[in-house]
């Protein structure tokens, strides 16, 4: 085990400690908790969402509400579990507006995303994942490329600053807003993309173990099946 591997957990804990006192943007004014991450910091597979909602803000963990339950279900269907991956968000504090006495979720603003980017950058730089899965267009627009078109480009392979392989999938919250056949179809695509991500990890780990070069993945590469 090299020095990098020995220090990843400690380094992430130190970054999390600093993030919990961050006041770089206005989201700090009404947060309950900074939602830093969950899962395995040594995982070669990192899942990135947009930002925490009400349940996440209360518990201090990402994807613990209904969307999180659906993500856990999809991970199991893809042959994984939460403990096998590292899960975080683009922004670490809940973006919400006070409307009629109740805080309601909203998309994070560009300046909020920019203010929070150093925390995401530090996380992904330390972990050095082989594969990043972006849930939803906002996460993909931050990690993969600007103005990402989720309906057109989900399931395609890209590379990004932090990983040789990155893929975008539908956000579980979006899937939950669908009903009937649309729900089944979009949920099926999420499972399919998670299976592809797992297969890509296996492929790239073999190259790494054989000390072969791992080249950036092109969006023209075909998706790999689970087997």
Protein backbone atom coordinates (compact mmCIF):
# COMPACT_ATOMS: atom_id res chain seq x y z
CA UNK A 1 0.00 0.00 0.00
CA UNK A 2 1.54 3.30 -1.04
CA UNK A 3 1.49 6.61 0.81
CA UNK A 4 -1.36 7.93 -1.32
CA UNK A 5 -3.63 5.04 -0.37
CA UNK A 6 -2.70 5.34 3.29
CA UNK A 7 -3.58 9.01 3.41
CA UNK A 8 -6.80 9.21 1.36
CA UNK A 9 -9.22 8.73 4.25
CA UNK A 10 -7.34 11.11 6.54
CA UNK A 11 -7.01 13.74 3.81
CA UNK A 12 -10.72 13.55 2.98
CA UNK A 13 -11.65 13.85 6.66
CA UNK A 14 -9.52 16.98 6.91
CA UNK A 15 -11.16 18.46 3.80
CA UNK A 16 -14.60 17.58 5.18
CA UNK A 17 -13.74 19.30 8.47
CA UNK A 18 -12.84 22.48 6.59
CA UNK A 19 -15.91 22.23 4.35
CA UNK A 20 -18.19 22.12 7.37
CA UNK A 21 -17.18 25.67 8.25
CA UNK A 22 -17.35 26.99 4.66
CA UNK A 23 -19.13 30.31 4.15
CA UNK A 24 -18.07 30.89 0.54
CA UNK A 25 -21.65 31.39 -0.65
CA UNK A 26 -25.08 32.23 0.72
CA UNK A 27 -26.15 28.58 1.04
CA UNK A 28 -24.27 28.52 4.34
CA UNK A 29 -26.82 30.89 5.84
CA UNK A 30 -29.67 28.39 6.10
CA UNK A 31 -28.06 24.95 6.02
CA UNK A 32 -28.48 22.41 8.81
CA UNK A 33 -25.48 20.31 7.74
CA UNK A 34 -22.78 20.35 5.11
CA UNK A 35 -23.39 17.18 3.09
CA UNK A 36 -19.90 16.09 2.15
CA UNK A 37 -20.00 12.44 1.03
CA UNK A 38 -20.87 8.84 1.80
CA UNK A 39 -19.49 5.45 0.84
CA UNK A 40 -16.02 4.10 0.17
CA UNK A 41 -13.28 6.72 -0.39
CA UNK A 42 -11.06 4.08 -2.00
CA UNK A 43 -13.66 3.08 -4.55
CA UNK A 44 -12.69 3.38 -8.22
CA UNK A 45 -16.30 4.43 -8.92
CA UNK A 46 -17.59 7.85 -7.82
CA UNK A 47 -21.21 8.97 -8.18
CA UNK A 48 -21.83 12.73 -8.34
CA UNK A 49 -25.25 14.34 -7.93
CA UNK A 50 -26.39 17.95 -8.02
CA UNK A 51 -26.89 18.81 -4.36
CA UNK A 52 -28.57 17.82 -1.10
CA UNK A 53 -32.29 18.12 -0.47
CA UNK A 54 -34.24 18.38 2.76
CA UNK A 55 -33.50 14.88 4.07
CA UNK A 56 -29.84 15.14 3.16
CA UNK A 57 -29.56 18.53 4.86
CA UNK A 58 -31.06 17.09 8.05
CA UNK A 59 -28.96 13.91 8.11
CA UNK A 60 -25.72 15.25 6.65
CA UNK A 61 -25.47 12.44 4.09
CA UNK A 62 -26.11 12.44 0.31
CA UNK A 63 -29.03 10.56 -1.26
CA UNK A 64 -30.93 9.47 1.85
CA UNK A 65 -34.45 10.52 0.81
CA UNK A 66 -36.72 8.91 -1.77
CA UNK A 67 -34.21 9.57 -4.54
CA UNK A 68 -31.52 7.95 -2.42
CA UNK A 69 -33.66 4.88 -1.83
CA UNK A 70 -34.15 4.56 -5.57
CA UNK A 71 -30.41 4.95 -6.15
CA UNK A 72 -29.70 2.21 -3.61
CA UNK A 73 -32.21 -0.04 -5.40
CA UNK A 74 -30.57 0.68 -8.78
CA UNK A 75 -27.09 0.01 -7.39
CA UNK A 76 -28.22 -3.38 -6.11
CA UNK A 77 -29.80 -4.16 -9.50
CA UNK A 78 -26.44 -3.31 -11.08
CA UNK A 79 -24.57 -5.68 -8.75
CA UNK A 80 -23.29 -3.09 -6.28
CA UNK A 81 -24.19 -1.42 -3.00
CA UNK A 82 -23.65 2.01 -1.46
CA UNK A 83 -20.61 0.71 0.45
CA UNK A 84 -18.89 -0.16 -2.83
CA UNK A 85 -18.98 3.37 -4.29
CA UNK A 86 -18.23 6.93 -3.21
CA UNK A 87 -21.18 9.32 -3.40
CA UNK A 88 -21.02 13.12 -3.32
CA UNK A 89 -22.65 16.19 -4.86
CA UNK A 90 -21.56 19.20 -6.87
CA UNK A 91 -22.70 21.50 -4.04
CA UNK A 92 -22.46 20.48 -0.40
CA UNK A 93 -25.26 22.62 1.04
CA UNK A 94 -28.97 22.57 0.27
CA UNK A 95 -30.12 25.11 -2.29
CA UNK A 96 -33.59 26.25 -1.27
CA UNK A 97 -35.83 29.29 -1.15
CA UNK A 98 -38.19 30.21 1.67
CA UNK A 99 -41.72 30.22 0.22
CA UNK A 100 -44.80 30.71 2.41
CA UNK A 101 -42.83 29.78 5.49
CA UNK A 102 -41.36 26.59 4.02
CA UNK A 103 -37.96 25.93 2.49
CA UNK A 104 -38.33 24.53 -1.02
CA UNK A 105 -35.53 22.99 -3.06
CA UNK A 106 -34.20 24.85 -6.09
CA UNK A 107 -31.29 24.30 -8.50
CA UNK A 108 -28.00 25.76 -7.25
CA UNK A 109 -26.96 28.98 -8.95
CA UNK A 110 -23.80 29.19 -11.08
CA UNK A 111 -21.96 31.25 -8.47
CA UNK A 112 -22.90 28.71 -5.78
CA UNK A 113 -21.57 25.87 -7.92
CA UNK A 114 -18.37 27.84 -8.55
CA UNK A 115 -17.94 28.59 -4.85
CA UNK A 116 -18.33 24.91 -3.98
CA UNK A 117 -16.15 23.57 -6.78
CA UNK A 118 -12.90 23.48 -4.72
CA UNK A 119 -14.45 20.86 -2.41
CA UNK A 120 -15.50 18.62 -5.30
CA UNK A 121 -12.13 19.13 -6.97
CA UNK A 122 -10.33 18.14 -3.78
CA UNK A 123 -12.46 15.03 -3.36
CA UNK A 124 -12.02 13.73 -6.91
CA UNK A 125 -8.34 14.67 -7.07
CA UNK A 126 -7.64 12.61 -3.94
CA UNK A 127 -9.74 9.61 -4.91
CA UNK A 128 -8.52 9.47 -8.53
CA UNK A 129 -11.54 7.40 -9.68
CA UNK A 130 -11.42 5.22 -12.74
CA UNK A 131 -15.07 6.02 -13.51
CA UNK A 132 -17.35 8.92 -12.58
CA UNK A 133 -21.14 8.62 -12.88
CA UNK A 134 -22.94 11.97 -13.05
CA UNK A 135 -26.59 11.89 -12.01
CA UNK A 136 -28.49 14.50 -13.98
CA UNK A 137 -27.53 17.30 -16.35
CA UNK A 138 -26.32 19.79 -13.70
CA UNK A 139 -23.73 17.34 -12.38
CA UNK A 140 -22.68 16.35 -15.89
CA UNK A 141 -22.42 20.02 -16.90
CA UNK A 142 -19.99 20.57 -14.04
CA UNK A 143 -17.95 17.37 -14.32
CA UNK A 144 -18.05 16.42 -18.02
CA UNK A 145 -18.82 19.46 -20.15
CA UNK A 146 -20.90 22.63 -20.02
CA UNK A 147 -24.52 22.58 -21.17
CA UNK A 148 -24.64 18.80 -21.05
CA UNK A 149 -27.73 17.37 -22.80
CA UNK A 150 -28.88 14.56 -20.57
CA UNK A 151 -31.63 13.25 -22.85
CA UNK A 152 -29.25 13.04 -25.81
CA UNK A 153 -25.93 12.14 -24.20
CA UNK A 154 -26.71 10.00 -21.16
CA UNK A 155 -25.18 6.56 -21.43
CA UNK A 156 -22.32 7.80 -23.63
CA UNK A 157 -18.71 7.70 -22.52
CA UNK A 158 -16.59 10.79 -22.00
CA UNK A 159 -13.43 11.62 -20.12
CA UNK A 160 -13.12 14.41 -17.57
CA UNK A 161 -10.52 16.29 -15.57
CA UNK A 162 -10.54 13.74 -12.76
CA UNK A 163 -11.15 10.44 -14.49
CA UNK A 164 -10.42 8.65 -17.77
CA UNK A 165 -14.06 7.58 -18.02
CA UNK A 166 -17.24 9.49 -17.18
CA UNK A 167 -20.86 8.74 -17.93
CA UNK A 168 -24.12 10.55 -17.17
CA UNK A 169 -27.37 8.93 -16.06
CA UNK A 170 -30.84 10.16 -15.19
CA UNK A 171 -31.10 11.57 -11.67
CA UNK A 172 -33.29 9.39 -9.40
CA UNK A 173 -35.38 12.46 -8.49
CA UNK A 174 -36.22 12.90 -12.19
CA UNK A 175 -37.18 9.24 -12.45
CA UNK A 176 -39.51 9.58 -9.46
CA UNK A 177 -41.37 12.41 -11.19
CA UNK A 178 -42.35 10.01 -13.97
CA UNK A 179 -45.16 7.52 -13.77
CA UNK A 180 -46.09 4.21 -15.34
CA UNK A 181 -44.11 3.22 -18.40
CA UNK A 182 -41.97 6.36 -18.28
CA UNK A 183 -40.88 5.50 -14.74
CA UNK A 184 -40.01 1.94 -15.69
CA UNK A 185 -38.13 3.08 -18.79
CA UNK A 186 -36.03 5.76 -17.08
CA UNK A 187 -35.31 3.54 -14.07
CA UNK A 188 -34.20 0.80 -16.46
CA UNK A 189 -31.81 3.22 -18.13
CA UNK A 190 -30.33 4.20 -14.74
CA UNK A 191 -29.65 0.54 -13.95
CA UNK A 192 -28.22 0.05 -17.43
CA UNK A 193 -25.84 3.00 -17.01
CA UNK A 194 -24.72 1.81 -13.56
CA UNK A 195 -24.05 -1.64 -14.99
CA UNK A 196 -22.00 -0.04 -17.77
CA UNK A 197 -20.05 1.95 -15.18
CA UNK A 198 -19.31 -1.18 -13.17
CA UNK A 199 -18.16 -3.01 -16.30
CA UNK A 200 -15.94 -0.09 -17.26
CA UNK A 201 -14.32 -0.15 -13.81
CA UNK A 202 -13.55 -3.85 -14.23
CA UNK A 203 -12.08 -3.21 -17.68
CA UNK A 204 -9.88 -0.32 -16.53
CA UNK A 205 -8.77 -2.09 -13.35
CA UNK A 206 -7.47 -4.95 -15.49
CA UNK A 207 -5.43 -2.50 -17.55
CA UNK A 208 -4.12 -0.88 -14.38
CA UNK A 209 -3.18 -4.23 -12.82
CA UNK A 210 -1.36 -5.15 -16.02
CA UNK A 211 0.41 -1.78 -15.88
CA UNK A 212 -0.98 -0.87 -19.27
CA UNK A 213 -1.77 2.77 -20.09
CA UNK A 214 -5.32 3.92 -19.43
CA UNK A 215 -6.30 6.34 -22.17
CA UNK A 216 -9.16 8.86 -21.90
CA UNK A 217 -12.42 7.28 -23.00
CA UNK A 218 -14.20 8.75 -26.02
CA UNK A 219 -17.92 9.30 -26.20
CA UNK A 220 -17.84 7.13 -29.33
CA UNK A 221 -16.79 4.06 -27.33
CA UNK A 222 -19.59 1.49 -27.09
CA UNK A 223 -21.13 0.73 -23.73
CA UNK A 224 -19.86 -2.51 -22.21
CA UNK A 225 -22.30 -5.10 -20.89
CA UNK A 226 -22.06 -6.31 -17.29
CA UNK A 227 -20.49 -9.61 -18.38
